[in-house]
Protein backbone atom coordinates (compact mmCIF):
# COMPACT_ATOMS: atom_id res chain seq x y z
CA UNK A 1 0.00 -0.02 -0.03
CA UNK A 2 1.46 3.34 -1.09
CA UNK A 3 1.01 6.19 1.46
CA UNK A 4 1.82 9.84 0.70
CA UNK A 5 2.92 11.79 3.84
CA UNK A 6 3.35 15.59 3.58
CA UNK A 7 4.00 18.71 5.64
CA UNK A 8 2.89 22.21 4.68
CA UNK A 9 3.21 25.49 6.57
CA UNK A 10 0.00 27.16 5.44
CA UNK A 11 0.66 30.42 7.25
CA UNK A 12 -2.95 30.33 8.50
CA UNK A 13 -5.99 29.38 6.40
CA UNK A 14 -8.45 32.22 6.58
CA UNK A 15 -6.99 34.87 8.88
CA UNK A 16 -3.45 36.05 9.52
CA UNK A 17 -1.88 38.51 12.07
CA UNK A 18 -1.34 41.82 10.33
CA UNK A 19 2.22 41.90 11.70
CA UNK A 20 3.08 38.90 9.56
CA UNK A 21 2.21 40.86 6.38
CA UNK A 22 4.72 43.61 7.15
CA UNK A 23 7.44 43.14 4.51
CA UNK A 24 10.22 44.96 6.39
CA UNK A 25 11.74 42.31 8.73
CA UNK A 26 12.92 44.96 11.23
CA UNK A 27 9.45 46.49 11.52
CA UNK A 28 7.84 43.04 11.78
CA UNK A 29 10.23 42.08 14.61
CA UNK A 30 9.61 45.39 16.33
CA UNK A 31 5.90 44.60 16.51
CA UNK A 32 6.44 41.09 17.72
CA UNK A 33 9.01 42.26 20.31
CA UNK A 34 6.55 44.95 21.59
CA UNK A 35 3.81 42.31 21.78
CA UNK A 36 6.04 40.05 23.80
CA UNK A 37 6.98 42.90 26.14
CA UNK A 38 3.31 43.92 26.52
CA UNK A 39 2.10 40.44 27.39
CA UNK A 40 4.85 40.03 29.94
CA UNK A 41 4.02 43.38 31.54
CA UNK A 42 0.28 42.59 31.63
CA UNK A 43 0.97 39.38 33.55
CA UNK A 44 2.52 41.27 36.48
CA UNK A 45 0.56 40.86 39.66
CA UNK A 46 1.14 44.56 40.48
CA UNK A 47 1.71 47.33 37.93
CA UNK A 48 4.35 49.83 39.03
CA UNK A 49 4.32 53.39 37.74
CA UNK A 50 7.06 52.38 35.31
CA UNK A 51 5.03 49.32 34.16
CA UNK A 52 2.02 51.58 33.51
CA UNK A 53 4.09 54.01 31.45
CA UNK A 54 5.49 51.19 29.32
CA UNK A 55 2.07 49.57 28.82
CA UNK A 56 0.53 52.90 27.80
CA UNK A 57 3.41 53.59 25.42
CA UNK A 58 3.00 50.30 23.57
CA UNK A 59 -0.80 50.62 23.46
CA UNK A 60 -0.52 54.15 21.99
CA UNK A 61 2.26 53.18 19.56
CA UNK A 62 0.32 50.35 17.99
CA UNK A 63 -3.24 51.69 18.39
CA UNK A 64 -4.01 48.71 20.61
CA UNK A 65 -7.21 50.45 21.75
CA UNK A 66 -8.63 50.71 18.26
CA UNK A 67 -11.26 48.57 16.48
CA UNK A 68 -11.07 49.25 12.79
CA UNK A 69 -11.88 46.37 10.42
CA UNK A 70 -10.57 48.33 7.44
CA UNK A 71 -7.26 49.07 9.14
CA UNK A 72 -6.83 46.71 12.09
CA UNK A 73 -4.06 47.53 14.55
CA UNK A 74 -1.07 45.24 14.72
CA UNK A 75 -1.70 44.71 18.44
CA UNK A 76 -5.02 44.88 20.18
CA UNK A 77 -5.94 44.78 23.88
CA UNK A 78 -9.25 43.01 24.30
CA UNK A 79 -10.94 44.25 27.48
CA UNK A 80 -14.06 42.29 28.41
CA UNK A 81 -15.18 45.00 30.80
CA UNK A 82 -13.60 48.27 29.61
CA UNK A 83 -13.95 51.30 31.79
CA UNK A 84 -12.31 53.35 34.49
CA UNK A 85 -13.05 50.90 37.29
CA UNK A 86 -12.79 47.54 35.62
CA UNK A 87 -10.68 47.87 32.45
CA UNK A 88 -6.93 48.07 31.87
CA UNK A 89 -6.92 51.68 30.66
CA UNK A 90 -8.96 54.65 29.59
CA UNK A 91 -8.36 56.84 26.60
CA UNK A 92 -8.69 60.55 25.89
CA UNK A 93 -8.52 62.37 22.56
CA UNK A 94 -8.94 60.94 19.08
CA UNK A 95 -6.77 59.91 16.14
CA UNK A 96 -3.09 60.57 16.52
CA UNK A 97 -3.87 62.62 19.60
CA UNK A 98 -5.22 59.63 21.50
CA UNK A 99 -3.65 59.24 24.93
CA UNK A 100 -3.81 56.15 27.16
CA UNK A 101 -3.93 56.10 30.96
CA UNK A 102 -3.51 52.68 32.63
CA UNK A 103 -6.02 52.51 35.46
CA UNK A 104 -5.68 48.85 36.48
CA UNK A 105 -3.47 48.10 39.54
CA UNK A 106 -2.44 44.65 38.36
CA UNK A 107 -3.35 41.48 36.53
CA UNK A 108 -6.17 40.51 38.89
CA UNK A 109 -7.92 43.85 38.66
CA UNK A 110 -9.04 43.71 35.05
CA UNK A 111 -10.39 41.09 32.66
CA UNK A 112 -8.96 40.72 29.16
CA UNK A 113 -5.79 40.03 27.16
CA UNK A 114 -3.53 41.29 24.43
CA UNK A 115 -3.59 39.73 21.01
CA UNK A 116 -2.06 40.37 17.60
CA UNK A 117 -4.46 42.16 15.25
CA UNK A 118 -5.71 40.01 12.42
CA UNK A 119 -7.34 40.51 9.09
CA UNK A 120 -8.98 38.09 6.62
CA UNK A 121 -7.34 36.69 3.51
CA UNK A 122 -8.93 37.30 0.14
CA UNK A 123 -10.64 34.10 -1.07
CA UNK A 124 -8.19 33.78 -3.96
CA UNK A 125 -5.39 33.37 -1.44
CA UNK A 126 -7.36 30.71 0.45
CA UNK A 127 -8.07 28.92 -2.86
CA UNK A 128 -4.35 28.98 -3.74
CA UNK A 129 -3.63 27.30 -0.39
CA UNK A 130 -6.31 24.75 -1.32
CA UNK A 131 -4.66 24.25 -4.74
CA UNK A 132 -1.35 23.28 -3.05
CA UNK A 133 -3.09 20.83 -0.77
CA UNK A 134 -5.16 19.32 -3.51
CA UNK A 135 -2.22 19.02 -5.92
CA UNK A 136 -0.09 17.28 -3.31
CA UNK A 137 -3.11 15.10 -2.46
CA UNK A 138 -1.40 13.51 0.52
CA UNK A 139 -2.93 10.65 2.45
CA UNK A 140 -1.60 12.19 5.69
CA UNK A 141 -0.92 15.94 5.71
CA UNK A 142 0.63 17.71 8.65
CA UNK A 143 -0.61 21.34 8.66
CA UNK A 144 1.50 23.99 10.36
CA UNK A 145 0.18 27.45 11.38
CA UNK A 146 -3.54 26.74 11.42
CA UNK A 147 -5.92 28.89 13.45
CA UNK A 148 -8.00 26.15 15.15
CA UNK A 149 -9.71 22.81 14.47
CA UNK A 150 -12.97 24.26 13.23
CA UNK A 151 -11.03 26.47 10.74
CA UNK A 152 -9.18 23.37 9.54
CA UNK A 153 -12.52 21.59 9.08
CA UNK A 154 -14.03 24.59 7.22
CA UNK A 155 -10.98 24.62 4.91
CA UNK A 156 -11.47 20.88 4.40
CA UNK A 157 -15.19 21.06 3.56
CA UNK A 158 -15.71 24.54 2.11
CA UNK A 159 -12.47 25.03 0.18
CA UNK A 160 -11.09 21.61 -0.79
CA UNK A 161 -14.49 20.01 -1.33
CA UNK A 162 -16.73 23.02 -1.99
CA UNK A 163 -14.64 25.58 -3.99
CA UNK A 164 -12.23 23.12 -5.62
CA UNK A 165 -14.42 20.10 -5.94
CA UNK A 166 -11.82 17.71 -4.38
CA UNK A 167 -12.61 14.92 -2.02
CA UNK A 168 -12.43 16.13 1.60
CA UNK A 169 -10.44 14.40 4.29
CA UNK A 170 -12.52 12.25 6.65
CA UNK A 171 -10.24 13.09 9.58
CA UNK A 172 -9.30 16.66 10.55
CA UNK A 173 -7.69 17.07 13.98
CA UNK A 174 -5.93 19.83 15.85
CA UNK A 175 -5.19 20.65 19.56
CA UNK A 176 -4.69 24.33 20.34
CA UNK A 177 -1.08 24.95 21.30
CA UNK A 178 0.93 27.35 23.44
CA UNK A 179 1.36 30.15 20.86
CA UNK A 180 -0.66 33.25 21.85
CA UNK A 181 -0.98 34.14 18.19
CA UNK A 182 -3.17 31.08 17.65
CA UNK A 183 -0.95 29.27 15.14
CA UNK A 184 -1.28 25.54 15.75
CA UNK A 185 -0.29 22.15 14.36
CA UNK A 186 -3.02 19.98 12.81
CA UNK A 187 -3.51 16.94 10.63
CA UNK A 188 -5.65 16.00 7.68
CA UNK A 189 -5.85 12.21 7.08
CA UNK A 190 -7.59 9.69 4.88
CA UNK A 191 -6.79 7.03 7.46
CA UNK A 192 -8.26 6.88 10.99
CA UNK A 193 -6.41 8.94 13.59
CA UNK A 194 -6.86 6.61 16.54
CA UNK A 195 -5.10 8.63 19.23
CA UNK A 196 -3.26 11.88 19.86
CA UNK A 197 -0.82 12.72 22.64
CA UNK A 198 -0.01 16.35 23.44
CA UNK A 199 3.18 17.77 24.92
CA UNK A 200 1.75 21.22 25.64
CA UNK A 201 2.72 20.96 29.25
CA UNK A 202 6.35 19.94 28.90
CA UNK A 203 8.52 22.42 30.78
CA UNK A 204 11.73 24.06 29.64
CA UNK A 205 14.59 22.25 31.40
CA UNK A 206 16.46 25.53 31.80
CA UNK A 207 13.39 27.51 32.86
CA UNK A 208 11.07 25.10 34.68
CA UNK A 209 8.40 27.82 35.12
CA UNK A 210 7.96 28.07 31.32
CA UNK A 211 6.52 25.75 28.69
CA UNK A 212 9.14 24.13 26.42
CA UNK A 213 7.26 24.02 23.16
CA UNK A 214 6.38 27.27 21.42
CA UNK A 215 3.34 25.45 19.93
CA UNK A 216 3.29 21.71 20.80
CA UNK A 217 4.70 18.40 19.60
CA UNK A 218 1.54 16.39 19.05
CA UNK A 219 1.85 12.63 18.47
CA UNK A 220 -0.78 11.46 15.98
CA UNK A 221 -1.25 7.69 15.81
CA UNK A 222 -2.74 6.68 12.51
CA UNK A 223 -4.29 3.25 11.82
CA UNK A 224 -3.13 1.65 8.56
CA UNK A 225 -3.85 -1.84 7.34
CA UNK A 226 -1.02 -3.29 9.31
CA UNK A 227 1.40 -1.61 11.68
CA UNK A 228 0.23 1.77 12.98
CA UNK A 229 2.14 4.91 12.04
CA UNK A 230 3.02 7.66 14.54
CA UNK A 231 3.51 11.19 13.23
CA UNK A 232 5.20 13.77 15.44
CA UNK A 233 4.20 17.32 14.36
CA UNK A 234 6.60 20.18 14.93
CA UNK A 235 6.92 23.91 14.63
CA UNK A 236 10.10 24.83 16.48
CA UNK A 237 10.94 28.30 17.84
CA UNK A 238 10.95 30.97 15.15
CA UNK A 239 14.19 31.69 13.39
CA UNK A 240 13.19 35.32 13.03
CA UNK A 241 13.03 35.68 16.82
CA UNK A 242 16.39 33.91 16.93
CA UNK A 243 16.74 31.59 19.85
CA UNK A 244 18.94 28.61 18.83
CA UNK A 245 19.23 27.42 22.42
CA UNK A 246 15.52 27.03 22.77
CA UNK A 247 15.17 25.39 19.37
CA UNK A 248 17.88 22.91 20.38
CA UNK A 249 16.12 22.14 23.68
CA UNK A 250 12.86 21.57 21.76
CA UNK A 251 14.62 19.30 19.26
CA UNK A 252 16.27 17.27 22.01
CA UNK A 253 12.86 16.72 23.64
CA UNK A 254 11.36 15.70 20.24
CA UNK A 255 14.22 13.16 19.98
CA UNK A 256 13.15 11.71 23.34
CA UNK A 257 9.52 11.52 22.25
CA UNK A 258 10.59 9.87 18.98
CA UNK A 259 12.56 7.19 20.86
CA UNK A 260 9.58 6.47 23.08
CA UNK A 261 7.30 6.21 20.04
CA UNK A 262 9.64 3.69 18.51
CA UNK A 263 8.89 1.37 21.41
CA UNK A 264 5.25 1.26 20.24
CA UNK A 265 5.78 1.04 16.48
CA UNK A 266 8.78 1.05 14.09
CA UNK A 267 6.84 3.34 11.71
CA UNK A 268 7.53 6.83 13.11
CA UNK A 269 7.68 10.14 11.19
CA UNK A 270 8.90 13.46 12.52
CA UNK A 271 7.74 16.34 10.36
CA UNK A 272 6.99 20.05 10.27
CA UNK A 273 8.72 23.43 10.29
CA UNK A 274 12.03 23.24 12.21
CA UNK A 275 12.83 26.87 11.53
CA UNK A 276 16.50 26.00 10.93
CA UNK A 277 18.83 24.67 8.21
CA UNK A 278 19.98 21.06 7.94
CA UNK A 279 23.42 21.66 9.57
CA UNK A 280 21.94 23.39 12.61
CA UNK A 281 22.24 21.99 16.09
CA UNK A 282 18.52 21.37 16.23
CA UNK A 283 18.38 19.41 12.98
CA UNK A 284 21.54 17.48 13.89
CA UNK A 285 20.06 16.48 17.27
CA UNK A 286 17.17 14.80 15.43
CA UNK A 287 19.35 13.14 12.78
CA UNK A 288 21.53 11.69 15.54
CA UNK A 289 18.63 9.50 16.57
CA UNK A 290 18.80 7.63 13.25
CA UNK A 291 15.99 9.66 11.61
CA UNK A 292 16.68 10.43 7.94
CA UNK A 293 15.60 13.48 5.95
CA UNK A 294 13.59 12.55 2.83
CA UNK A 295 15.21 15.36 0.87
CA UNK A 296 18.51 13.46 1.23
CA UNK A 297 17.02 10.40 -0.43
CA UNK A 298 18.24 9.48 -3.93
CA UNK A 299 14.63 9.71 -5.14
CA UNK A 300 14.65 13.48 -4.55
CA UNK A 301 15.74 15.73 -7.47
CA UNK A 302 14.23 19.06 -6.48
CA UNK A 303 15.39 22.38 -5.07
CA UNK A 304 17.49 22.37 -1.89
CA UNK A 305 15.24 24.69 0.16
CA UNK A 306 11.63 24.81 1.21
CA UNK A 307 11.12 28.51 1.99
CA UNK A 308 11.31 31.71 0.01
CA UNK A 309 12.96 31.01 -3.34
CA UNK A 310 14.19 27.56 -2.11
CA UNK A 311 17.57 28.06 -3.78
CA UNK A 312 19.91 26.95 -0.96
CA UNK A 313 19.94 24.77 2.12
CA UNK A 314 19.77 27.94 4.16
CA UNK A 315 16.20 28.19 2.85
CA UNK A 316 15.34 24.71 4.12
CA UNK A 317 13.03 25.01 7.12
CA UNK A 318 10.57 22.16 6.50
CA UNK A 319 11.32 18.46 7.08
CA UNK A 320 9.93 14.98 6.82
CA UNK A 321 12.18 12.61 8.77
CA UNK A 322 11.65 8.85 8.63
CA UNK A 323 12.58 6.11 11.09
CA UNK A 324 15.11 3.52 9.78
CA UNK A 325 12.46 0.90 9.01
CA UNK A 326 10.52 3.33 6.79
CA UNK A 327 13.55 4.49 4.81
CA UNK A 328 13.85 1.44 2.49
CA UNK A 329 10.14 1.92 1.65
CA UNK A 330 10.60 5.36 0.03
CA UNK A 331 9.36 5.47 -3.54
CA UNK A 332 9.21 9.16 -4.37
CA UNK A 333 9.99 12.53 -2.75
CA UNK A 334 8.60 15.83 -4.03
CA UNK A 335 8.37 19.54 -3.29
CA UNK A 336 5.27 21.49 -4.39
CA UNK A 337 6.47 25.05 -5.02
CA UNK A 338 3.78 26.47 -7.27
CA UNK A 339 2.01 28.13 -4.31
CA UNK A 340 5.07 30.36 -3.85
CA UNK A 341 5.73 33.72 -5.43
CA UNK A 342 9.47 33.96 -5.81
CA UNK A 343 12.16 34.64 -8.41
CA UNK A 344 12.77 31.72 -10.79
CA UNK A 345 9.99 29.65 -9.18
CA UNK A 346 7.13 28.68 -11.47
CA UNK A 347 3.86 29.54 -9.74
CA UNK A 348 0.24 28.65 -10.31
CA UNK A 349 -1.39 31.04 -12.78
CA UNK A 350 -3.52 32.34 -9.88
CA UNK A 351 -0.42 33.26 -7.85
CA UNK A 352 0.55 36.68 -9.24
CA UNK A 353 2.17 38.41 -6.26
CA UNK A 354 3.41 37.77 -2.71
CA UNK A 355 -0.06 38.95 -1.61
CA UNK A 356 -1.78 36.12 -3.52
CA UNK A 357 0.78 33.37 -2.64
CA UNK A 358 -0.54 30.35 -0.78
CA UNK A 359 2.42 30.54 1.62
CA UNK A 360 6.12 31.41 1.60
CA UNK A 361 6.74 27.68 2.34
CA UNK A 362 6.62 24.90 -0.20
CA UNK A 363 4.81 21.63 0.64
CA UNK A 364 7.15 18.65 1.08
CA UNK A 365 5.95 15.12 0.57
CA UNK A 366 7.14 11.51 0.41
CA UNK A 367 5.57 8.30 -0.90
CA UNK A 368 6.28 5.15 1.15
CA UNK A 369 5.22 1.58 0.37
CA UNK A 370 3.75 0.06 3.48
């Protein structure tokens, strides 16, 4: 029985944080850094005068008080009971003259949270994402950066089946992860997903008070005709917010989870977005377990990268790693790049700009004979 296994970072399906659409990397990182600073400040049990000044400054800087569907702010503070006595802050003035005064005394004195502002994709972008998924036509597809399970199911039924007329997947599963931006790891499968194990609550060995995984490392067990297959889904710490030590710690823990899964079945796949190149410490830690990268198989003849223009191994962020018993079963390895908009990369005719691209990641897949 031939099984196609794939991974694809969809960069969300219907909605995407506005910060991720900022083309200038420095400005994008500035927004994300301010968001991280704001969420850390808001979690303080008591807000000092300095804390209040910093909170107000970030809220004013990014219009985090504003609700404008035509021009959503990059950061938004959602106050369930806004007001002088029960909210985080009050505002005076309008437009560029808006000023923020933090009135809450600490985390327990107001209800709400900070989130990245989001806007909706145009339907042609969503359809292009669907075209990638339908062209790959994987039996088991790991989806990276998906909003939630219901969104994954809507994409499955309304886009794949409805708009594109392709057969939907009978199994669509996702567990919300640790990322406050709501980008999660899911699975679409034509074979029954009989169990899932989450590692949401694994702690960072160097910082026991913090969660280790930026998202999760879900273990999906899939029932095939014979031996079950376990797929470990990954989205390691972002390379843009460079933290190689945390990526390495996450990879080492994935290696431990992989070894434990091998005790249940010899058919184990580790896949997803590792946010690092093949010679990185994180990727090396996983290869040292005996896992092998399908793009190193003799059956692969494509580009060396999976992100951007895919021209070098520095552009390789996405992986499908196979356990030793699966390696001899490899029949074909491919990279679907037509959802990209990049120099010297042939795109779908409906992908005419970066704004209409399905993703800035290609979809990687492997066919194995089980």
